[in-house]
Structures are given as C-alpha cells and as structure tokens.
Amino acid sequence: MLQKLKSTEPARLHLILMLVLTFSTGVIDAVGYLGLDRVFTGNMTGNVVILGMALIGADNLPVVGPSIALACFMLGAVIAGRAFRPEAAGWSRRTTALLTAVGTAMAGVAVVLFFHAPHAGDPVTLGITGALAVAMGIQAATARHLSVKDVTTVVVTSTLTGLAADSRFGGGNGAHAGRRLGAVVLILAGATAGAALLHVHPGFGVLLTALLTLGVALTGGAARPRGQEGAPLPAGTVEEEAVGRA
C-alpha cells in the first residue's frame, strides 16, 4: 500500500487530497452556518457579505461571529504563510505537520462540542468559531502553497467561473473540467453531509472533518519520498513566487 502511494504521480495525488479537503470544507461550513449562529469558518466571502448586511441591522444577522472568523482565518493563513515562506511549492514535512495540527485542532473542537452545546453569542461558541477559522486559514494557505490548479479547498466561485468560461459553450476546450466539477460537487456533498450530521450532533460534523484532514496529512506524508523536502527558494525569488500564485 505504501509503495503504491509512493509510486502515485504527486500532482494527481495532491489533487485527490485537496478534493477531499474541499468536501471537508463543505461539512465544516454547514456546521458553522447552521450550528454556530450563521458563521462560515472556511468561506470568507460569505462572512464578508453577512457582515456587510449585519452592519445595517438586516435580519438580525451576527456581527461578532463573522468578525472573529475573518480575523482568525487571516491569522491561520499568516501562520502557514510564515511556515512555507522558505520553500517552493510541493509537499514537505511542514505540509504534513500543519495539516496534522489542523486535524488535531478540529478533533479538540469536536470534543468541546460534545460537552458544550453551541449558543449564539456564547463565549465558548465564539471561541469554537475562532479555533475553526484559524484551522481553515492554515488549510487554505497550505492548499495555496501546493498550487493544485482550480482547487483552493475553501471556495468554488473562481472554479465555477473557470468551468463555464473555459467550456465549449464559452469557446474553450473544457480544460480541467473534471477537477473543477469535482470540487463543486464535493463541497456541495460536504455541506449536505454536514447539515445531515447536525441532526445528530454538531460535534459529529467537526469530528468527520478532523478525521478527513488527518487522513490527508498522513497520506500525503506517507507518499512523500523519504528525505524529500520542498526545495528552498533561490534568494530574491520569494516575492516573485508569492505573486505568481496570487
């Protein structure tokens, strides 16, 4: 099994692993929006829109939760950005370590949820929102570092745009249609699964996400050839590399 993993083409394996994380994002965002007072912990576009409407008091939408999620998501992205700054794109020990940390943090949140039911405005609930947002920020920045085209794991707006614009109807050749459609379907399926698990207990959705993330971390780490690390970036190319992935 391990040999089969190691023989898998890295680009293909990374695509599969990021699609798994896309599914898990659907799960965690369903839990966040439906179980944590209408807050997204992965999709920050949704939080920005909610916050904009909430600022004029529309439909009694929350302000504190989305604000915490936005700030903590950015904190998570900063942490991952710092960790990956010396390395070129690719799977390394740092990738495994960060995704393992994300999965472990989510498992911890799941345990808290099993002992503390979330309530709107409750300090523990807001703390759960912040912890999940930090974890998702790290995940999103890790996916960005791996540079799997059209699979960011946290949003599908640009993926849908590419799917439509590059389709034969849009005058293109349908390049990457499979992965793009897969990302959209998987985040939809994840949201459905997350909503269904909420009927049982909100902790189960977070626990599922934790297990999936840990599975991705272990699989990616096991498939990485022993001793292989992300190649260091040549001096003076850090900024260029970052701009190229933006």
Protein backbone atom coordinates (compact mmCIF):
# COMPACT_ATOMS: atom_id res chain seq x y z
CA MET A 1 0.00 0.00 0.00
CA LEU A 2 2.78 2.40 0.96
CA GLN A 3 4.70 1.57 -2.22
CA LYS A 4 1.58 2.21 -4.29
CA LEU A 5 1.20 5.62 -2.65
CA LYS A 6 4.82 6.49 -3.27
CA SER A 7 4.51 5.49 -6.94
CA THR A 8 1.46 7.70 -7.49
CA GLU A 9 2.16 10.82 -9.53
CA PRO A 10 2.46 13.66 -6.98
CA ALA A 11 0.26 16.07 -8.96
CA ARG A 12 -2.54 13.50 -9.17
CA LEU A 13 -2.24 12.55 -5.50
CA HIS A 14 -2.25 16.19 -4.39
CA LEU A 15 -5.35 16.84 -6.50
CA ILE A 16 -7.18 13.95 -4.84
CA LEU A 17 -6.13 15.05 -1.36
CA MET A 18 -7.21 18.65 -1.96
CA LEU A 19 -10.57 17.43 -3.27
CA VAL A 20 -11.01 15.51 -0.01
CA LEU A 21 -10.33 18.73 1.90
CA THR A 22 -12.86 20.51 -0.33
CA PHE A 23 -15.50 18.02 0.81
CA SER A 24 -14.49 18.57 4.43
CA THR A 25 -14.84 22.33 3.98
CA GLY A 26 -18.45 21.83 2.90
CA VAL A 27 -19.02 19.86 6.10
CA ILE A 28 -17.41 22.42 8.40
CA ASP A 29 -19.15 25.39 6.77
CA ALA A 30 -22.53 23.70 7.14
CA VAL A 31 -21.78 23.17 10.83
CA GLY A 32 -20.63 26.77 11.19
CA TYR A 33 -23.56 28.40 9.41
CA LEU A 34 -26.31 26.20 10.79
CA GLY A 35 -24.84 25.41 14.20
CA LEU A 36 -22.69 28.41 15.13
CA ASP A 37 -25.10 31.31 14.52
CA ARG A 38 -24.74 31.78 10.74
CA VAL A 39 -20.95 31.99 10.55
CA PHE A 40 -18.72 30.49 7.87
CA THR A 41 -15.34 29.26 9.11
CA GLY A 42 -13.99 28.37 5.65
CA ASN A 43 -15.76 30.58 3.11
CA MET A 44 -14.73 34.10 3.98
CA THR A 45 -16.68 35.64 1.11
CA GLY A 46 -19.85 34.58 2.88
CA ASN A 47 -18.69 36.21 6.11
CA VAL A 48 -17.87 39.49 4.37
CA VAL A 49 -21.36 39.59 2.83
CA ILE A 50 -23.05 38.66 6.12
CA LEU A 51 -21.02 41.28 7.98
CA GLY A 52 -21.88 43.94 5.41
CA MET A 53 -25.60 43.25 5.78
CA ALA A 54 -25.37 42.91 9.56
CA LEU A 55 -23.81 46.35 9.92
CA ILE A 56 -27.15 47.94 8.98
CA GLY A 57 -29.10 45.50 11.15
CA ALA A 58 -30.52 43.38 8.33
CA ASP A 59 -32.44 40.33 9.57
CA ASN A 60 -30.65 40.41 12.95
CA LEU A 61 -27.53 38.94 11.36
CA PRO A 62 -24.49 38.40 13.63
CA VAL A 63 -21.56 40.80 13.66
CA VAL A 64 -19.20 39.39 16.29
CA GLY A 65 -19.05 35.83 14.92
CA PRO A 66 -18.19 36.75 11.31
CA SER A 67 -15.67 39.34 12.54
CA ILE A 68 -13.91 36.75 14.70
CA ALA A 69 -13.95 34.24 11.85
CA LEU A 70 -12.40 36.74 9.42
CA ALA A 71 -9.64 37.77 11.82
CA CYS A 72 -8.84 34.21 12.87
CA PHE A 73 -8.87 32.88 9.30
CA MET A 74 -6.29 35.52 8.37
CA LEU A 75 -4.24 34.59 11.43
CA GLY A 76 -4.21 30.96 10.29
CA ALA A 77 -3.14 31.99 6.80
CA VAL A 78 -0.35 34.13 8.26
CA ILE A 79 0.90 31.18 10.32
CA ALA A 80 1.00 28.90 7.27
CA GLY A 81 2.48 31.61 5.09
CA ARG A 82 5.33 32.09 7.54
CA ALA A 83 5.92 28.34 7.72
CA PHE A 84 6.06 27.90 3.94
CA ARG A 85 7.91 31.11 3.07
CA PRO A 86 11.36 29.46 2.69
CA GLU A 87 10.03 26.63 0.48
CA ALA A 88 8.96 26.24 -3.12
CA ALA A 89 5.58 24.64 -3.85
CA GLY A 90 5.32 20.95 -3.00
CA TRP A 91 4.59 18.57 -0.17
CA SER A 92 7.09 18.67 2.69
CA ARG A 93 7.26 17.79 6.37
CA ARG A 94 5.82 21.22 7.11
CA THR A 95 2.77 20.40 4.97
CA THR A 96 2.19 17.21 6.94
CA ALA A 97 2.78 18.97 10.26
CA LEU A 98 0.40 21.86 9.53
CA LEU A 99 -2.43 19.65 8.26
CA THR A 100 -1.94 17.34 11.24
CA ALA A 101 -2.22 20.38 13.51
CA VAL A 102 -5.43 21.40 11.70
CA GLY A 103 -6.95 17.94 12.12
CA THR A 104 -5.91 17.76 15.77
CA ALA A 105 -7.41 21.20 16.48
CA MET A 106 -10.68 20.18 14.87
CA ALA A 107 -10.75 16.97 16.90
CA GLY A 108 -10.32 19.10 20.03
CA VAL A 109 -13.20 21.35 18.95
CA ALA A 110 -15.37 18.29 18.37
CA VAL A 111 -14.70 17.11 21.92
CA VAL A 112 -15.68 20.55 23.26
CA LEU A 113 -18.90 20.46 21.24
CA PHE A 114 -19.83 17.08 22.69
CA PHE A 115 -19.68 18.63 26.16
CA HIS A 116 -20.94 22.14 25.37
CA ALA A 117 -23.90 22.84 23.10
CA PRO A 118 -23.27 25.97 20.97
CA HIS A 119 -25.38 29.07 21.65
CA ALA A 120 -25.41 32.38 19.78
CA GLY A 121 -23.09 34.91 21.43
CA ASP A 122 -21.82 32.39 23.98
CA PRO A 123 -18.05 32.92 24.68
CA VAL A 124 -17.30 29.21 24.21
CA THR A 125 -19.16 29.18 20.89
CA LEU A 126 -17.24 32.24 19.73
CA GLY A 127 -14.02 30.52 20.81
CA ILE A 128 -15.00 27.47 18.74
CA THR A 129 -15.66 29.74 15.76
CA GLY A 130 -12.23 31.32 16.13
CA ALA A 131 -10.44 27.98 16.50
CA LEU A 132 -12.12 26.53 13.41
CA ALA A 133 -11.38 29.67 11.39
CA VAL A 134 -7.67 29.56 12.32
CA ALA A 135 -7.58 25.91 11.26
CA MET A 136 -9.29 26.67 7.95
CA GLY A 137 -6.95 29.59 7.30
CA ILE A 138 -3.99 27.23 7.71
CA GLN A 139 -5.66 24.68 5.44
CA ALA A 140 -6.41 27.25 2.73
CA ALA A 141 -2.85 28.62 2.78
CA THR A 142 -1.47 25.08 2.65
CA ALA A 143 -3.61 24.29 -0.40
CA ARG A 144 -2.41 27.52 -2.00
CA HIS A 145 1.19 26.51 -1.38
CA LEU A 146 0.62 23.14 -3.05
CA SER A 147 -0.70 25.05 -6.09
CA VAL A 148 -3.27 22.49 -7.24
CA LYS A 149 -4.94 24.42 -10.04
CA ASP A 150 -8.61 25.30 -9.52
CA VAL A 151 -8.85 23.55 -6.13
CA THR A 152 -8.49 26.05 -3.29
CA THR A 153 -10.45 23.75 -0.88
CA VAL A 154 -12.45 26.67 0.59
CA VAL A 155 -14.25 28.45 -2.28
CA VAL A 156 -15.65 27.46 -5.66
CA THR A 157 -16.62 30.83 -7.20
CA SER A 158 -13.43 31.04 -9.29
CA THR A 159 -13.74 27.32 -10.01
CA LEU A 160 -17.26 27.79 -11.39
CA THR A 161 -16.07 30.77 -13.43
CA GLY A 162 -13.28 28.73 -14.98
CA LEU A 163 -15.61 25.78 -15.59
CA ALA A 164 -18.07 27.95 -17.52
CA ALA A 165 -15.64 30.30 -19.26
CA ASP A 166 -13.33 27.52 -20.48
CA SER A 167 -16.15 25.19 -21.52
CA ARG A 168 -17.01 24.59 -25.17
CA PHE A 169 -20.04 26.84 -24.69
CA GLY A 170 -17.61 29.58 -23.63
CA GLY A 171 -15.38 29.00 -26.63
CA GLY A 172 -12.77 26.98 -24.73
CA ASN A 173 -11.68 23.36 -24.84
CA GLY A 174 -13.03 22.31 -21.43
CA ALA A 175 -9.60 22.06 -19.82
CA HIS A 176 -9.63 20.90 -16.18
CA ALA A 177 -13.42 20.47 -16.33
CA GLY A 178 -13.26 17.24 -14.34
CA ARG A 179 -11.45 18.66 -11.34
CA ARG A 180 -13.49 21.84 -11.39
CA LEU A 181 -16.79 19.99 -11.47
CA GLY A 182 -15.47 17.59 -8.84
CA ALA A 183 -14.62 20.47 -6.48
CA VAL A 184 -18.11 21.97 -6.86
CA VAL A 185 -19.87 18.64 -6.36
CA LEU A 186 -17.71 17.72 -3.36
CA ILE A 187 -18.23 20.98 -1.49
CA LEU A 188 -21.97 20.58 -2.17
CA ALA A 189 -21.88 16.99 -0.92
CA GLY A 190 -19.89 18.06 2.13
CA ALA A 191 -22.44 20.73 3.02
CA THR A 192 -25.21 18.18 2.67
CA ALA A 193 -23.37 15.72 4.91
CA GLY A 194 -22.63 18.45 7.47
CA ALA A 195 -26.27 19.52 7.59
CA ALA A 196 -27.37 15.91 7.99
CA LEU A 197 -24.90 15.29 10.83
CA LEU A 198 -26.23 18.37 12.65
CA HIS A 199 -29.49 16.48 13.15
CA VAL A 200 -27.49 14.01 15.21
CA HIS A 201 -24.98 16.31 16.94
CA PRO A 202 -22.81 19.27 15.73
CA GLY A 203 -19.72 17.55 17.10
CA PHE A 204 -20.01 14.74 14.55
CA GLY A 205 -19.56 17.09 11.57
CA VAL A 206 -16.43 18.61 13.09
CA LEU A 207 -15.13 15.16 14.03
CA LEU A 208 -15.62 13.92 10.45
CA THR A 209 -13.68 16.93 9.16
CA ALA A 210 -10.91 16.24 11.67
CA LEU A 211 -10.61 12.61 10.58
CA LEU A 212 -10.55 13.55 6.88
CA THR A 213 -7.88 16.20 7.45
CA LEU A 214 -5.71 13.83 9.50
CA GLY A 215 -6.15 11.20 6.78
CA VAL A 216 -4.99 13.69 4.14
CA ALA A 217 -1.98 14.68 6.26
CA LEU A 218 -0.93 11.08 6.86
CA THR A 219 -1.47 10.04 3.24
CA GLY A 220 0.46 12.98 1.84
CA GLY A 221 3.25 12.48 4.35
CA ALA A 222 3.50 8.75 3.65
CA ALA A 223 3.58 9.30 -0.12
CA ARG A 224 6.40 11.83 0.10
CA PRO A 225 9.73 10.11 -0.73
CA ARG A 226 11.89 9.82 2.38
CA GLY A 227 14.20 12.78 2.76
CA GLN A 228 12.30 14.89 0.20
CA GLU A 229 11.58 18.45 1.25
CA GLY A 230 10.18 21.45 -0.52
CA ALA A 231 13.13 22.93 -2.36
CA PRO A 232 14.32 26.22 -0.88
CA LEU A 233 13.54 29.23 -2.99
CA PRO A 234 16.53 30.94 -4.59
CA ALA A 235 17.48 34.21 -2.98
CA GLY A 236 15.34 37.10 -4.16
CA THR A 237 12.50 34.96 -5.54
CA VAL A 238 10.25 34.76 -2.50
CA GLU A 239 8.19 37.75 -3.54
CA GLU A 240 8.02 36.63 -7.19
CA GLU A 241 6.82 33.17 -6.15
CA ALA A 242 4.10 34.66 -3.96
CA VAL A 243 2.91 37.00 -6.72
CA GLY A 244 2.84 34.15 -9.21
CA ARG A 245 0.46 32.16 -7.01
CA ALA A 246 -1.80 35.12 -6.18
